[in-house]
Amino acid sequence: MTLIVALDRVSPGEAEQLVADLCDVVEGFKVGLPFVLSAGVRLVEKLRGACPSRLWIADYKLADIGYIMRLVAEEAASWADAVIAHSFIGVDGGLGELAEHLAREGKKLILVVSMSHPGSRDVYDRATPYIAAVVERLRPWGLVAPATRPEMIALYRRKAPWAKILAPGVGAQGAEPGEALCAGADYEIIGRQVTGAPEPRAAALLARRRQEERLRLCRAQS
């Protein structure tokens, strides 16, 4: 499966029903700070317990000194398989300490390498050679590159062939299911188009079918 659902703006009750409905049809769940701050860690632990076989990602987008990021990662250890951090802060005194901590704990590091908003082009994307050097040095399990920017997905697919690429922005932000996969992503992340749908399970299954259809089409054209 190549679909990950983002839990950001849902109520605790909705989240429990969503996880129950989607556990067998998605690869995992990306849990953002808005949800954790409103619902609490104990609920996230409960959700994880209801669907333990899937990938649970702490989408905290950490960007601090290594000591602080390690403390945050420790707080998420009870439920998260992976932690997302920004790559621009560098390795020494920062991401290096986080990476070492996560490796000791058997957790995955995922680094943001580009974002979907216009400001990413002004700063993040101009620093691509430096970001790529951080990625090469740390060799994280995964990278985040936006589904709305397939050129960035393709670029990092070439630069980091070992990494899993996770592409948010499918649905509400404008990318269609399957577009990021065709560009080289391993997983597409979808949020409101599924979590806000009248029938989230049906919406997730539809997104998966559209992924498969677009993949067949782009493979036939290649």
N, C-alpha and C. Protein backbone atom coordinates (compact mmCIF):
# COMPACT_ATOMS: atom_id res chain seq x y z
N MET A 1 0.84 -1.20 0.00
CA MET A 1 0.00 0.00 0.00
C MET A 1 0.88 1.25 0.00
N THR A 2 0.39 2.30 -0.63
CA THR A 2 1.19 3.51 -0.80
C THR A 2 0.49 4.75 -0.28
N LEU A 3 -0.55 4.59 0.51
CA LEU A 3 -1.33 5.72 1.00
C LEU A 3 -1.18 5.87 2.52
N ILE A 4 -0.85 7.09 2.95
CA ILE A 4 -0.76 7.44 4.36
C ILE A 4 -1.76 8.55 4.64
N VAL A 5 -2.52 8.42 5.71
CA VAL A 5 -3.55 9.41 6.06
C VAL A 5 -3.03 10.33 7.15
N ALA A 6 -3.23 11.63 6.95
CA ALA A 6 -2.81 12.64 7.92
C ALA A 6 -3.95 12.93 8.90
N LEU A 7 -3.64 12.79 10.17
CA LEU A 7 -4.59 13.15 11.22
C LEU A 7 -4.17 14.50 11.77
N ASP A 8 -4.86 15.54 11.36
CA ASP A 8 -4.52 16.89 11.79
C ASP A 8 -5.70 17.60 12.43
N ARG A 9 -6.79 17.71 11.68
CA ARG A 9 -7.93 18.49 12.15
C ARG A 9 -9.16 17.59 12.30
N VAL A 10 -9.09 16.68 13.22
CA VAL A 10 -10.23 15.80 13.50
C VAL A 10 -10.41 15.73 15.02
N SER A 11 -11.62 15.45 15.43
CA SER A 11 -11.89 15.34 16.86
C SER A 11 -11.43 13.98 17.36
N PRO A 12 -11.25 13.82 18.68
CA PRO A 12 -10.86 12.51 19.20
C PRO A 12 -11.79 11.39 18.78
N GLY A 13 -13.10 11.63 18.84
CA GLY A 13 -14.05 10.61 18.43
C GLY A 13 -13.94 10.26 16.96
N GLU A 14 -13.78 11.28 16.13
CA GLU A 14 -13.61 11.04 14.70
C GLU A 14 -12.33 10.26 14.44
N ALA A 15 -11.28 10.57 15.17
CA ALA A 15 -10.01 9.88 14.96
C ALA A 15 -10.12 8.40 15.26
N GLU A 16 -10.80 8.05 16.33
CA GLU A 16 -10.96 6.64 16.66
C GLU A 16 -11.72 5.90 15.57
N GLN A 17 -12.77 6.52 15.05
CA GLN A 17 -13.54 5.88 13.99
C GLN A 17 -12.73 5.80 12.70
N LEU A 18 -11.97 6.85 12.40
CA LEU A 18 -11.15 6.85 11.20
C LEU A 18 -10.13 5.71 11.23
N VAL A 19 -9.45 5.57 12.34
CA VAL A 19 -8.43 4.52 12.45
C VAL A 19 -9.09 3.14 12.31
N ALA A 20 -10.24 2.96 12.92
CA ALA A 20 -10.95 1.68 12.80
C ALA A 20 -11.34 1.40 11.36
N ASP A 21 -11.79 2.43 10.65
CA ASP A 21 -12.25 2.27 9.27
C ASP A 21 -11.11 2.08 8.28
N LEU A 22 -9.94 2.67 8.57
CA LEU A 22 -8.88 2.75 7.57
C LEU A 22 -7.70 1.83 7.83
N CYS A 23 -7.64 1.21 8.99
CA CYS A 23 -6.45 0.45 9.38
C CYS A 23 -6.03 -0.57 8.33
N ASP A 24 -6.98 -1.21 7.69
CA ASP A 24 -6.63 -2.28 6.75
C ASP A 24 -6.49 -1.81 5.31
N VAL A 25 -6.67 -0.49 5.05
CA VAL A 25 -6.61 -0.02 3.66
C VAL A 25 -5.54 1.03 3.43
N VAL A 26 -4.81 1.45 4.49
CA VAL A 26 -3.75 2.43 4.30
C VAL A 26 -2.44 1.89 4.88
N GLU A 27 -1.34 2.51 4.47
CA GLU A 27 -0.03 2.09 4.96
C GLU A 27 0.25 2.60 6.37
N GLY A 28 -0.33 3.76 6.70
CA GLY A 28 -0.07 4.30 8.02
C GLY A 28 -0.77 5.61 8.25
N PHE A 29 -0.41 6.26 9.37
CA PHE A 29 -1.02 7.51 9.78
C PHE A 29 0.07 8.50 10.17
N LYS A 30 -0.08 9.72 9.67
CA LYS A 30 0.82 10.82 10.02
C LYS A 30 0.07 11.71 11.00
N VAL A 31 0.59 11.83 12.21
CA VAL A 31 -0.11 12.56 13.27
C VAL A 31 0.57 13.90 13.48
N GLY A 32 -0.16 14.99 13.22
CA GLY A 32 0.41 16.32 13.33
C GLY A 32 0.27 16.91 14.72
N LEU A 33 1.03 17.97 14.96
CA LEU A 33 0.99 18.65 16.25
C LEU A 33 -0.40 19.17 16.62
N PRO A 34 -1.19 19.72 15.67
CA PRO A 34 -2.52 20.19 16.06
C PRO A 34 -3.35 19.09 16.73
N PHE A 35 -3.26 17.88 16.20
CA PHE A 35 -4.04 16.79 16.80
C PHE A 35 -3.47 16.38 18.15
N VAL A 36 -2.17 16.25 18.25
CA VAL A 36 -1.57 15.82 19.52
C VAL A 36 -1.84 16.83 20.62
N LEU A 37 -1.75 18.12 20.29
CA LEU A 37 -1.96 19.16 21.29
C LEU A 37 -3.41 19.21 21.75
N SER A 38 -4.35 18.91 20.85
CA SER A 38 -5.76 18.98 21.22
C SER A 38 -6.25 17.68 21.84
N ALA A 39 -5.78 16.55 21.36
CA ALA A 39 -6.29 15.26 21.82
C ALA A 39 -5.46 14.64 22.93
N GLY A 40 -4.16 14.93 22.94
CA GLY A 40 -3.28 14.38 23.96
C GLY A 40 -2.59 13.10 23.53
N VAL A 41 -1.43 12.87 24.13
CA VAL A 41 -0.62 11.70 23.77
C VAL A 41 -1.33 10.40 24.10
N ARG A 42 -2.08 10.38 25.20
CA ARG A 42 -2.73 9.13 25.61
C ARG A 42 -3.71 8.64 24.54
N LEU A 43 -4.41 9.56 23.91
CA LEU A 43 -5.33 9.13 22.84
C LEU A 43 -4.55 8.59 21.65
N VAL A 44 -3.44 9.24 21.31
CA VAL A 44 -2.64 8.76 20.19
C VAL A 44 -2.12 7.35 20.48
N GLU A 45 -1.71 7.11 21.71
CA GLU A 45 -1.29 5.77 22.10
C GLU A 45 -2.43 4.77 21.93
N LYS A 46 -3.63 5.18 22.28
CA LYS A 46 -4.80 4.32 22.12
C LYS A 46 -5.06 4.02 20.64
N LEU A 47 -4.95 5.04 19.81
CA LEU A 47 -5.14 4.84 18.37
C LEU A 47 -4.10 3.86 17.82
N ARG A 48 -2.86 4.06 18.22
CA ARG A 48 -1.79 3.15 17.80
C ARG A 48 -2.10 1.72 18.24
N GLY A 49 -2.60 1.56 19.45
CA GLY A 49 -2.93 0.24 19.96
C GLY A 49 -4.04 -0.43 19.17
N ALA A 50 -4.93 0.38 18.58
CA ALA A 50 -6.02 -0.17 17.78
C ALA A 50 -5.57 -0.57 16.38
N CYS A 51 -4.41 -0.09 15.97
CA CYS A 51 -3.91 -0.39 14.62
C CYS A 51 -2.39 -0.48 14.67
N PRO A 52 -1.86 -1.48 15.37
CA PRO A 52 -0.41 -1.52 15.63
C PRO A 52 0.44 -1.95 14.44
N SER A 53 -0.18 -2.52 13.42
CA SER A 53 0.60 -3.06 12.31
C SER A 53 0.98 -2.01 11.27
N ARG A 54 0.47 -0.78 11.40
CA ARG A 54 0.73 0.26 10.42
C ARG A 54 1.83 1.20 10.89
N LEU A 55 2.30 2.03 9.97
CA LEU A 55 3.36 2.99 10.26
C LEU A 55 2.75 4.23 10.90
N TRP A 56 3.25 4.58 12.08
CA TRP A 56 2.77 5.77 12.79
C TRP A 56 3.89 6.81 12.82
N ILE A 57 3.59 7.99 12.27
CA ILE A 57 4.60 9.03 12.07
C ILE A 57 4.27 10.25 12.92
N ALA A 58 5.23 10.68 13.73
CA ALA A 58 5.10 11.92 14.49
C ALA A 58 5.51 13.08 13.59
N ASP A 59 4.52 13.80 13.09
CA ASP A 59 4.80 14.90 12.17
C ASP A 59 5.02 16.18 12.97
N TYR A 60 6.14 16.22 13.67
CA TYR A 60 6.47 17.38 14.50
C TYR A 60 7.34 18.40 13.78
N LYS A 61 7.89 18.02 12.63
CA LYS A 61 8.76 18.90 11.86
C LYS A 61 9.75 19.62 12.79
N LEU A 62 10.53 18.84 13.48
CA LEU A 62 11.46 19.37 14.47
C LEU A 62 12.53 20.24 13.82
N ALA A 63 12.88 21.31 14.50
CA ALA A 63 13.92 22.22 14.01
C ALA A 63 14.53 22.94 15.21
N ASP A 64 15.40 22.24 15.93
CA ASP A 64 15.98 22.80 17.16
C ASP A 64 17.35 22.18 17.36
N ILE A 65 17.99 22.49 18.48
CA ILE A 65 19.25 21.83 18.79
C ILE A 65 18.97 20.35 19.08
N GLY A 66 20.00 19.54 18.97
CA GLY A 66 19.83 18.11 19.12
C GLY A 66 19.22 17.70 20.44
N TYR A 67 19.63 18.34 21.53
CA TYR A 67 19.13 17.98 22.86
C TYR A 67 17.61 18.12 22.95
N ILE A 68 17.10 19.24 22.45
CA ILE A 68 15.66 19.48 22.51
C ILE A 68 14.91 18.51 21.60
N MET A 69 15.42 18.28 20.42
CA MET A 69 14.75 17.35 19.51
C MET A 69 14.73 15.94 20.09
N ARG A 70 15.79 15.57 20.76
CA ARG A 70 15.82 14.24 21.39
C ARG A 70 14.76 14.14 22.48
N LEU A 71 14.60 15.20 23.27
CA LEU A 71 13.58 15.20 24.31
C LEU A 71 12.18 15.04 23.71
N VAL A 72 11.93 15.74 22.62
CA VAL A 72 10.62 15.63 21.97
C VAL A 72 10.42 14.21 21.43
N ALA A 73 11.46 13.67 20.81
CA ALA A 73 11.36 12.30 20.27
C ALA A 73 11.08 11.30 21.38
N GLU A 74 11.66 11.52 22.55
CA GLU A 74 11.40 10.63 23.68
C GLU A 74 9.94 10.66 24.09
N GLU A 75 9.31 11.85 24.01
CA GLU A 75 7.90 11.97 24.36
C GLU A 75 7.00 11.26 23.37
N ALA A 76 7.46 11.10 22.14
CA ALA A 76 6.65 10.43 21.12
C ALA A 76 6.97 8.94 21.00
N ALA A 77 7.93 8.48 21.77
CA ALA A 77 8.42 7.10 21.62
C ALA A 77 7.37 6.05 21.89
N SER A 78 6.37 6.39 22.71
CA SER A 78 5.38 5.39 23.10
C SER A 78 4.42 5.04 21.97
N TRP A 79 4.38 5.86 20.91
CA TRP A 79 3.43 5.57 19.83
C TRP A 79 4.02 5.72 18.43
N ALA A 80 5.09 6.46 18.27
CA ALA A 80 5.59 6.77 16.93
C ALA A 80 6.66 5.79 16.47
N ASP A 81 6.55 5.37 15.21
CA ASP A 81 7.60 4.57 14.57
C ASP A 81 8.64 5.47 13.91
N ALA A 82 8.24 6.69 13.58
CA ALA A 82 9.11 7.60 12.84
C ALA A 82 8.83 9.03 13.27
N VAL A 83 9.85 9.88 13.13
CA VAL A 83 9.74 11.29 13.51
C VAL A 83 10.21 12.15 12.34
N ILE A 84 9.44 13.19 12.04
CA ILE A 84 9.79 14.10 10.95
C ILE A 84 10.52 15.32 11.53
N ALA A 85 11.64 15.67 10.90
CA ALA A 85 12.41 16.86 11.28
C ALA A 85 12.78 17.64 10.03
N HIS A 86 13.04 18.93 10.20
CA HIS A 86 13.51 19.75 9.09
C HIS A 86 15.00 19.48 8.86
N SER A 87 15.38 19.49 7.60
CA SER A 87 16.78 19.20 7.25
C SER A 87 17.67 20.43 7.29
N PHE A 88 17.10 21.63 7.24
CA PHE A 88 17.93 22.83 7.09
C PHE A 88 18.75 23.17 8.32
N ILE A 89 18.47 22.55 9.47
CA ILE A 89 19.20 22.92 10.68
C ILE A 89 20.59 22.30 10.73
N GLY A 90 20.88 21.35 9.85
CA GLY A 90 22.22 20.79 9.80
C GLY A 90 22.43 19.61 10.74
N VAL A 91 23.62 19.03 10.67
CA VAL A 91 23.92 17.77 11.36
C VAL A 91 24.57 17.99 12.72
N ASP A 92 25.67 18.69 12.77
CA ASP A 92 26.44 18.81 14.00
C ASP A 92 25.69 19.61 15.05
N GLY A 93 25.47 18.99 16.20
CA GLY A 93 24.73 19.65 17.27
C GLY A 93 23.23 19.70 17.04
N GLY A 94 22.79 19.14 15.93
CA GLY A 94 21.37 19.16 15.60
C GLY A 94 20.86 17.79 15.21
N LEU A 95 20.74 17.59 13.91
CA LEU A 95 20.15 16.35 13.42
C LEU A 95 20.99 15.11 13.73
N GLY A 96 22.28 15.31 13.88
CA GLY A 96 23.12 14.17 14.20
C GLY A 96 22.72 13.52 15.51
N GLU A 97 22.47 14.34 16.52
CA GLU A 97 22.07 13.80 17.82
C GLU A 97 20.70 13.14 17.74
N LEU A 98 19.79 13.76 17.01
CA LEU A 98 18.46 13.15 16.84
C LEU A 98 18.56 11.82 16.11
N ALA A 99 19.34 11.78 15.04
CA ALA A 99 19.48 10.55 14.27
C ALA A 99 20.06 9.43 15.11
N GLU A 100 21.08 9.74 15.92
CA GLU A 100 21.68 8.72 16.78
C GLU A 100 20.68 8.20 17.81
N HIS A 101 19.90 9.11 18.39
CA HIS A 101 18.90 8.70 19.38
C HIS A 101 17.85 7.79 18.75
N LEU A 102 17.34 8.19 17.59
CA LEU A 102 16.30 7.38 16.94
C LEU A 102 16.84 6.01 16.54
N ALA A 103 18.08 5.97 16.07
CA ALA A 103 18.67 4.68 15.69
C ALA A 103 18.78 3.76 16.91
N ARG A 104 19.19 4.31 18.04
CA ARG A 104 19.29 3.49 19.26
C ARG A 104 17.93 2.94 19.68
N GLU A 105 16.89 3.73 19.45
CA GLU A 105 15.54 3.34 19.87
C GLU A 105 14.80 2.52 18.81
N GLY A 106 15.44 2.29 17.68
CA GLY A 106 14.79 1.53 16.62
C GLY A 106 13.70 2.31 15.90
N LYS A 107 13.82 3.64 15.89
CA LYS A 107 12.84 4.51 15.24
C LYS A 107 13.43 5.07 13.93
N LYS A 108 12.55 5.53 13.08
CA LYS A 108 12.95 6.04 11.77
C LYS A 108 13.03 7.56 11.77
N LEU A 109 14.02 8.08 11.06
CA LEU A 109 14.15 9.52 10.86
C LEU A 109 13.67 9.87 9.46
N ILE A 110 12.80 10.88 9.41
CA ILE A 110 12.30 11.39 8.12
C ILE A 110 12.63 12.87 8.05
N LEU A 111 13.27 13.30 6.98
CA LEU A 111 13.69 14.69 6.84
C LEU A 111 12.87 15.41 5.76
N VAL A 112 12.42 16.60 6.09
CA VAL A 112 11.79 17.47 5.10
C VAL A 112 12.87 18.05 4.20
N VAL A 113 12.68 17.92 2.88
CA VAL A 113 13.66 18.47 1.94
C VAL A 113 13.08 19.57 1.06
N SER A 114 11.76 19.70 1.04
CA SER A 114 11.09 20.75 0.29
C SER A 114 9.66 20.84 0.79
N MET A 115 9.02 21.98 0.54
CA MET A 115 7.64 22.17 1.00
C MET A 115 6.79 22.72 -0.13
N SER A 116 5.47 22.71 0.07
CA SER A 116 4.55 23.06 -1.02
C SER A 116 4.24 24.55 -1.10
N HIS A 117 4.50 25.31 -0.04
CA HIS A 117 4.13 26.72 -0.06
C HIS A 117 5.15 27.53 -0.86
N PRO A 118 4.78 28.70 -1.39
CA PRO A 118 5.68 29.49 -2.24
C PRO A 118 7.01 29.84 -1.57
N GLY A 119 7.00 30.05 -0.26
CA GLY A 119 8.23 30.43 0.42
C GLY A 119 9.31 29.37 0.37
N SER A 120 8.94 28.13 0.11
CA SER A 120 9.93 27.06 0.00
C SER A 120 10.88 27.32 -1.16
N ARG A 121 10.37 27.91 -2.22
CA ARG A 121 11.22 28.21 -3.37
C ARG A 121 12.24 29.29 -3.03
N ASP A 122 11.88 30.18 -2.12
CA ASP A 122 12.76 31.29 -1.76
C ASP A 122 13.92 30.87 -0.88
N VAL A 123 13.71 29.85 -0.04
CA VAL A 123 14.73 29.47 0.92
C VAL A 123 15.12 27.99 0.77
N TYR A 124 14.17 27.10 1.01
CA TYR A 124 14.49 25.67 1.00
C TYR A 124 15.11 25.24 -0.33
N ASP A 125 14.43 25.56 -1.41
CA ASP A 125 14.87 25.05 -2.70
C ASP A 125 16.16 25.69 -3.19
N ARG A 126 16.44 26.93 -2.74
CA ARG A 126 17.71 27.56 -3.10
C ARG A 126 18.87 26.89 -2.38
N ALA A 127 18.55 26.22 -1.29
CA ALA A 127 19.60 25.55 -0.52
C ALA A 127 19.70 24.07 -0.86
N THR A 128 19.16 23.66 -1.98
CA THR A 128 19.12 22.23 -2.34
C THR A 128 20.48 21.54 -2.24
N PRO A 129 21.58 22.13 -2.72
CA PRO A 129 22.87 21.43 -2.59
C PRO A 129 23.25 21.15 -1.14
N TYR A 130 22.94 22.09 -0.24
CA TYR A 130 23.27 21.90 1.18
C TYR A 130 22.33 20.88 1.83
N ILE A 131 21.04 20.95 1.45
CA ILE A 131 20.07 19.98 1.96
C ILE A 131 20.46 18.58 1.50
N ALA A 132 20.83 18.46 0.24
CA ALA A 132 21.22 17.15 -0.29
C ALA A 132 22.45 16.61 0.42
N ALA A 133 23.36 17.51 0.82
CA ALA A 133 24.55 17.06 1.56
C ALA A 133 24.17 16.53 2.93
N VAL A 134 23.20 17.16 3.59
CA VAL A 134 22.71 16.67 4.88
C VAL A 134 22.09 15.29 4.71
N VAL A 135 21.29 15.14 3.67
CA VAL A 135 20.65 13.85 3.40
C VAL A 135 21.69 12.76 3.14
N GLU A 136 22.69 13.08 2.36
CA GLU A 136 23.73 12.11 2.05
C GLU A 136 24.51 11.72 3.31
N ARG A 137 24.77 12.68 4.17
CA ARG A 137 25.55 12.40 5.37
C ARG A 137 24.77 11.54 6.37
N LEU A 138 23.47 11.84 6.55
CA LEU A 138 22.68 11.13 7.54
C LEU A 138 22.02 9.86 7.00
N ARG A 139 21.75 9.86 5.70
CA ARG A 139 21.05 8.74 5.05
C ARG A 139 19.82 8.31 5.87
N PRO A 140 18.86 9.23 6.02
CA PRO A 140 17.67 8.91 6.80
C PRO A 140 16.80 7.87 6.09
N TRP A 141 15.92 7.27 6.86
CA TRP A 141 14.98 6.30 6.28
C TRP A 141 14.09 6.94 5.24
N GLY A 142 13.64 8.18 5.52
CA GLY A 142 12.68 8.80 4.62
C GLY A 142 12.90 10.28 4.41
N LEU A 143 12.28 10.79 3.34
CA LEU A 143 12.30 12.21 3.00
C LEU A 143 10.87 12.66 2.73
N VAL A 144 10.59 13.93 3.04
CA VAL A 144 9.30 14.53 2.70
C VAL A 144 9.51 15.53 1.59
N ALA A 145 8.84 15.30 0.47
CA ALA A 145 8.85 16.23 -0.66
C ALA A 145 7.42 16.34 -1.17
N PRO A 146 6.95 17.55 -1.50
CA PRO A 146 5.53 17.74 -1.76
C PRO A 146 5.04 17.13 -3.07
N ALA A 147 3.85 16.56 -3.01
CA ALA A 147 3.22 15.99 -4.20
C ALA A 147 2.91 17.06 -5.24
N THR A 148 2.78 18.30 -4.78
CA THR A 148 2.52 19.42 -5.69
C THR A 148 3.77 19.89 -6.42
N ARG A 149 4.93 19.32 -6.07
CA ARG A 149 6.20 19.70 -6.70
C ARG A 149 6.90 18.44 -7.21
N PRO A 150 6.35 17.80 -8.25
CA PRO A 150 6.93 16.54 -8.71
C PRO A 150 8.39 16.65 -9.13
N GLU A 151 8.81 17.85 -9.53
CA GLU A 151 10.21 18.02 -9.93
C GLU A 151 11.14 17.84 -8.74
N MET A 152 10.69 18.24 -7.54
CA MET A 152 11.51 18.05 -6.35
C MET A 152 11.55 16.59 -5.93
N ILE A 153 10.45 15.90 -6.11
CA ILE A 153 10.44 14.46 -5.84
C ILE A 153 11.43 13.75 -6.75
N ALA A 154 11.38 14.08 -8.03
CA ALA A 154 12.28 13.43 -8.99
C ALA A 154 13.75 13.75 -8.67
N LEU A 155 14.01 14.99 -8.26
CA LEU A 155 15.38 15.39 -7.93
C LEU A 155 15.92 14.56 -6.77
N TYR A 156 15.14 14.45 -5.70
CA TYR A 156 15.63 13.71 -4.53
C TYR A 156 15.56 12.20 -4.73
N ARG A 157 14.73 11.75 -5.67
CA ARG A 157 14.77 10.33 -6.00
C ARG A 157 16.12 9.97 -6.60
N ARG A 158 16.66 10.89 -7.41
CA ARG A 158 17.98 10.66 -7.99
C ARG A 158 19.08 10.80 -6.95
N LYS A 159 18.95 11.78 -6.06
CA LYS A 159 20.00 12.05 -5.09
C LYS A 159 20.02 11.05 -3.93
N ALA A 160 18.88 10.47 -3.60
CA ALA A 160 18.79 9.56 -2.45
C ALA A 160 18.00 8.32 -2.82
N PRO A 161 18.56 7.46 -3.68
CA PRO A 161 17.81 6.29 -4.16
C PRO A 161 17.45 5.31 -3.05
N TRP A 162 18.16 5.36 -1.91
CA TRP A 162 17.88 4.43 -0.82
C TRP A 162 16.68 4.86 0.02
N ALA A 163 16.30 6.14 -0.04
CA ALA A 163 15.33 6.69 0.90
C ALA A 163 13.90 6.47 0.43
N LYS A 164 13.00 6.34 1.39
CA LYS A 164 11.58 6.35 1.10
C LYS A 164 11.14 7.81 0.98
N ILE A 165 10.43 8.14 -0.07
CA ILE A 165 9.94 9.50 -0.24
C ILE A 165 8.45 9.54 0.05
N LEU A 166 8.09 10.42 0.99
CA LEU A 166 6.70 10.59 1.39
C LEU A 166 6.23 11.94 0.85
N ALA A 167 5.12 11.94 0.13
CA ALA A 167 4.67 13.14 -0.56
C ALA A 167 3.31 13.60 -0.05
N PRO A 168 3.29 14.66 0.78
CA PRO A 168 2.01 15.24 1.20
C PRO A 168 1.47 16.18 0.14
N GLY A 169 0.21 16.59 0.32
CA GLY A 169 -0.37 17.55 -0.61
C GLY A 169 -1.34 16.95 -1.59
N VAL A 170 -1.69 15.68 -1.42
CA VAL A 170 -2.67 15.04 -2.29
C VAL A 170 -4.07 15.42 -1.83
N GLY A 171 -4.89 15.86 -2.76
CA GLY A 171 -6.26 16.22 -2.42
C GLY A 171 -6.44 17.71 -2.25
N ALA A 172 -6.57 18.16 -1.00
CA ALA A 172 -6.92 19.55 -0.72
C ALA A 172 -5.88 20.53 -1.26
N GLN A 173 -4.61 20.15 -1.28
CA GLN A 173 -3.57 21.07 -1.76
C GLN A 173 -3.39 21.03 -3.27
N GLY A 174 -4.09 20.11 -3.94
CA GLY A 174 -4.12 20.17 -5.39
C GLY A 174 -3.54 19.01 -6.17
N ALA A 175 -2.69 18.20 -5.57
CA ALA A 175 -2.11 17.06 -6.30
C ALA A 175 -3.13 15.93 -6.41
N GLU A 176 -3.10 15.25 -7.53
CA GLU A 176 -3.99 14.11 -7.75
C GLU A 176 -3.32 12.83 -7.28
N PRO A 177 -4.10 11.87 -6.80
CA PRO A 177 -3.51 10.58 -6.40
C PRO A 177 -2.71 9.96 -7.54
N GLY A 178 -1.52 9.51 -7.23
CA GLY A 178 -0.67 8.85 -8.22
C GLY A 178 0.36 9.74 -8.86
N GLU A 179 0.15 11.06 -8.86
CA GLU A 179 1.11 11.96 -9.50
C GLU A 179 2.48 11.89 -8.84
N ALA A 180 2.51 11.91 -7.52
CA ALA A 180 3.79 11.85 -6.82
C ALA A 180 4.46 10.49 -6.99
N LEU A 181 3.67 9.44 -7.04
CA LEU A 181 4.23 8.10 -7.25
C LEU A 181 4.90 8.02 -8.62
N CYS A 182 4.28 8.61 -9.61
CA CYS A 182 4.88 8.63 -10.95
C CYS A 182 6.20 9.39 -10.97
N ALA A 183 6.33 10.39 -10.10
CA ALA A 183 7.56 11.19 -10.04
C ALA A 183 8.66 10.50 -9.25
N GLY A 184 8.31 9.44 -8.52
CA GLY A 184 9.33 8.71 -7.77
C GLY A 184 9.07 8.55 -6.29
N ALA A 185 7.92 9.05 -5.80
CA ALA A 185 7.60 8.89 -4.38
C ALA A 185 7.22 7.45 -4.07
N ASP A 186 7.40 7.07 -2.83
CA ASP A 186 7.01 5.73 -2.36
C ASP A 186 5.63 5.75 -1.71
N TYR A 187 5.30 6.87 -1.07
CA TYR A 187 4.02 7.00 -0.39
C TYR A 187 3.43 8.38 -0.68
N GLU A 188 2.12 8.44 -0.79
CA GLU A 188 1.42 9.70 -0.88
C GLU A 188 0.62 9.91 0.40
N ILE A 189 0.64 11.15 0.90
CA ILE A 189 -0.06 11.48 2.14
C ILE A 189 -1.29 12.30 1.80
N ILE A 190 -2.42 11.85 2.29
CA ILE A 190 -3.69 12.52 2.03
C ILE A 190 -4.36 12.82 3.36
N GLY A 191 -4.98 13.99 3.45
CA GLY A 191 -5.62 14.39 4.69
C GLY A 191 -7.09 14.63 4.54
N ARG A 192 -7.45 15.90 4.34
CA ARG A 192 -8.85 16.30 4.40
C ARG A 192 -9.73 15.61 3.38
N GLN A 193 -9.19 15.23 2.22
CA GLN A 193 -10.01 14.57 1.21
C GLN A 193 -10.54 13.23 1.71
N VAL A 194 -9.83 12.64 2.68
CA VAL A 194 -10.29 11.40 3.30
C VAL A 194 -10.94 11.67 4.65
N THR A 195 -10.23 12.40 5.52
CA THR A 195 -10.73 12.58 6.88
C THR A 195 -12.00 13.42 6.93
N GLY A 196 -12.20 14.29 5.93
CA GLY A 196 -13.40 15.12 5.90
C GLY A 196 -14.50 14.58 5.02
N ALA A 197 -14.29 13.42 4.44
CA ALA A 197 -15.28 12.84 3.54
C ALA A 197 -16.44 12.22 4.33
N PRO A 198 -17.66 12.20 3.75
CA PRO A 198 -18.78 11.55 4.43
C PRO A 198 -18.50 10.08 4.72
N GLU A 199 -17.78 9.44 3.83
CA GLU A 199 -17.41 8.03 4.01
C GLU A 199 -15.89 7.91 3.80
N PRO A 200 -15.11 8.11 4.85
CA PRO A 200 -13.65 8.12 4.71
C PRO A 200 -13.08 6.84 4.11
N ARG A 201 -13.61 5.69 4.47
CA ARG A 201 -13.09 4.44 3.91
C ARG A 201 -13.27 4.39 2.39
N ALA A 202 -14.45 4.79 1.95
CA ALA A 202 -14.70 4.82 0.50
C ALA A 202 -13.78 5.82 -0.18
N ALA A 203 -13.54 6.96 0.46
CA ALA A 203 -12.65 7.97 -0.11
C ALA A 203 -11.22 7.45 -0.21
N ALA A 204 -10.76 6.72 0.81
CA ALA A 204 -9.41 6.16 0.78
C ALA A 204 -9.29 5.09 -0.30
N LEU A 205 -10.29 4.26 -0.43
CA LEU A 205 -10.26 3.22 -1.46
C LEU A 205 -10.28 3.84 -2.85
N LEU A 206 -11.04 4.93 -3.02
CA LEU A 206 -11.06 5.62 -4.31
C LEU A 206 -9.69 6.22 -4.61
N ALA A 207 -9.06 6.81 -3.60
CA ALA A 207 -7.71 7.36 -3.82
C ALA A 207 -6.74 6.27 -4.22
N ARG A 208 -6.83 5.11 -3.62
CA ARG A 208 -5.96 4.00 -3.99
C ARG A 208 -6.19 3.56 -5.43
N ARG A 209 -7.45 3.49 -5.84
CA ARG A 209 -7.74 3.10 -7.23
C ARG A 209 -7.17 4.12 -8.21
N ARG A 210 -7.30 5.40 -7.85
CA ARG A 210 -6.76 6.44 -8.73
C ARG A 210 -5.24 6.40 -8.77
N GLN A 211 -4.61 6.07 -7.65
CA GLN A 211 -3.16 5.87 -7.65
C GLN A 211 -2.78 4.79 -8.65
N GLU A 212 -3.45 3.67 -8.57
CA GLU A 212 -3.13 2.53 -9.44
C GLU A 212 -3.36 2.87 -10.91
N GLU A 213 -4.45 3.59 -11.19
CA GLU A 213 -4.74 3.97 -12.58
C GLU A 213 -3.68 4.90 -13.14
N ARG A 214 -3.29 5.91 -12.36
CA ARG A 214 -2.29 6.86 -12.84
C ARG A 214 -0.93 6.19 -12.99
N LEU A 215 -0.59 5.29 -12.07
CA LEU A 215 0.69 4.57 -12.18
C LEU A 215 0.73 3.73 -13.44
N ARG A 216 -0.35 3.05 -13.74
CA ARG A 216 -0.39 2.25 -14.97
C ARG A 216 -0.20 3.14 -16.19
N LEU A 217 -0.84 4.30 -16.17
CA LEU A 217 -0.75 5.22 -17.30
C LEU A 217 0.67 5.76 -17.47
N CYS A 218 1.28 6.21 -16.39
CA CYS A 218 2.63 6.81 -16.53
C CYS A 218 3.67 5.74 -16.86
N ARG A 219 3.48 4.51 -16.38
CA ARG A 219 4.41 3.43 -16.72
C ARG A 219 4.26 3.06 -18.20
N ALA A 220 3.06 3.10 -18.70
CA ALA A 220 2.83 2.79 -20.11
C ALA A 220 3.44 3.84 -21.01
N GLN A 221 3.52 5.07 -20.51
CA GLN A 221 4.06 6.17 -21.32
C GLN A 221 5.58 6.27 -21.22
N SER A 222 6.17 5.63 -20.23
CA SER A 222 7.61 5.76 -20.04
C SER A 222 8.40 4.83 -20.96
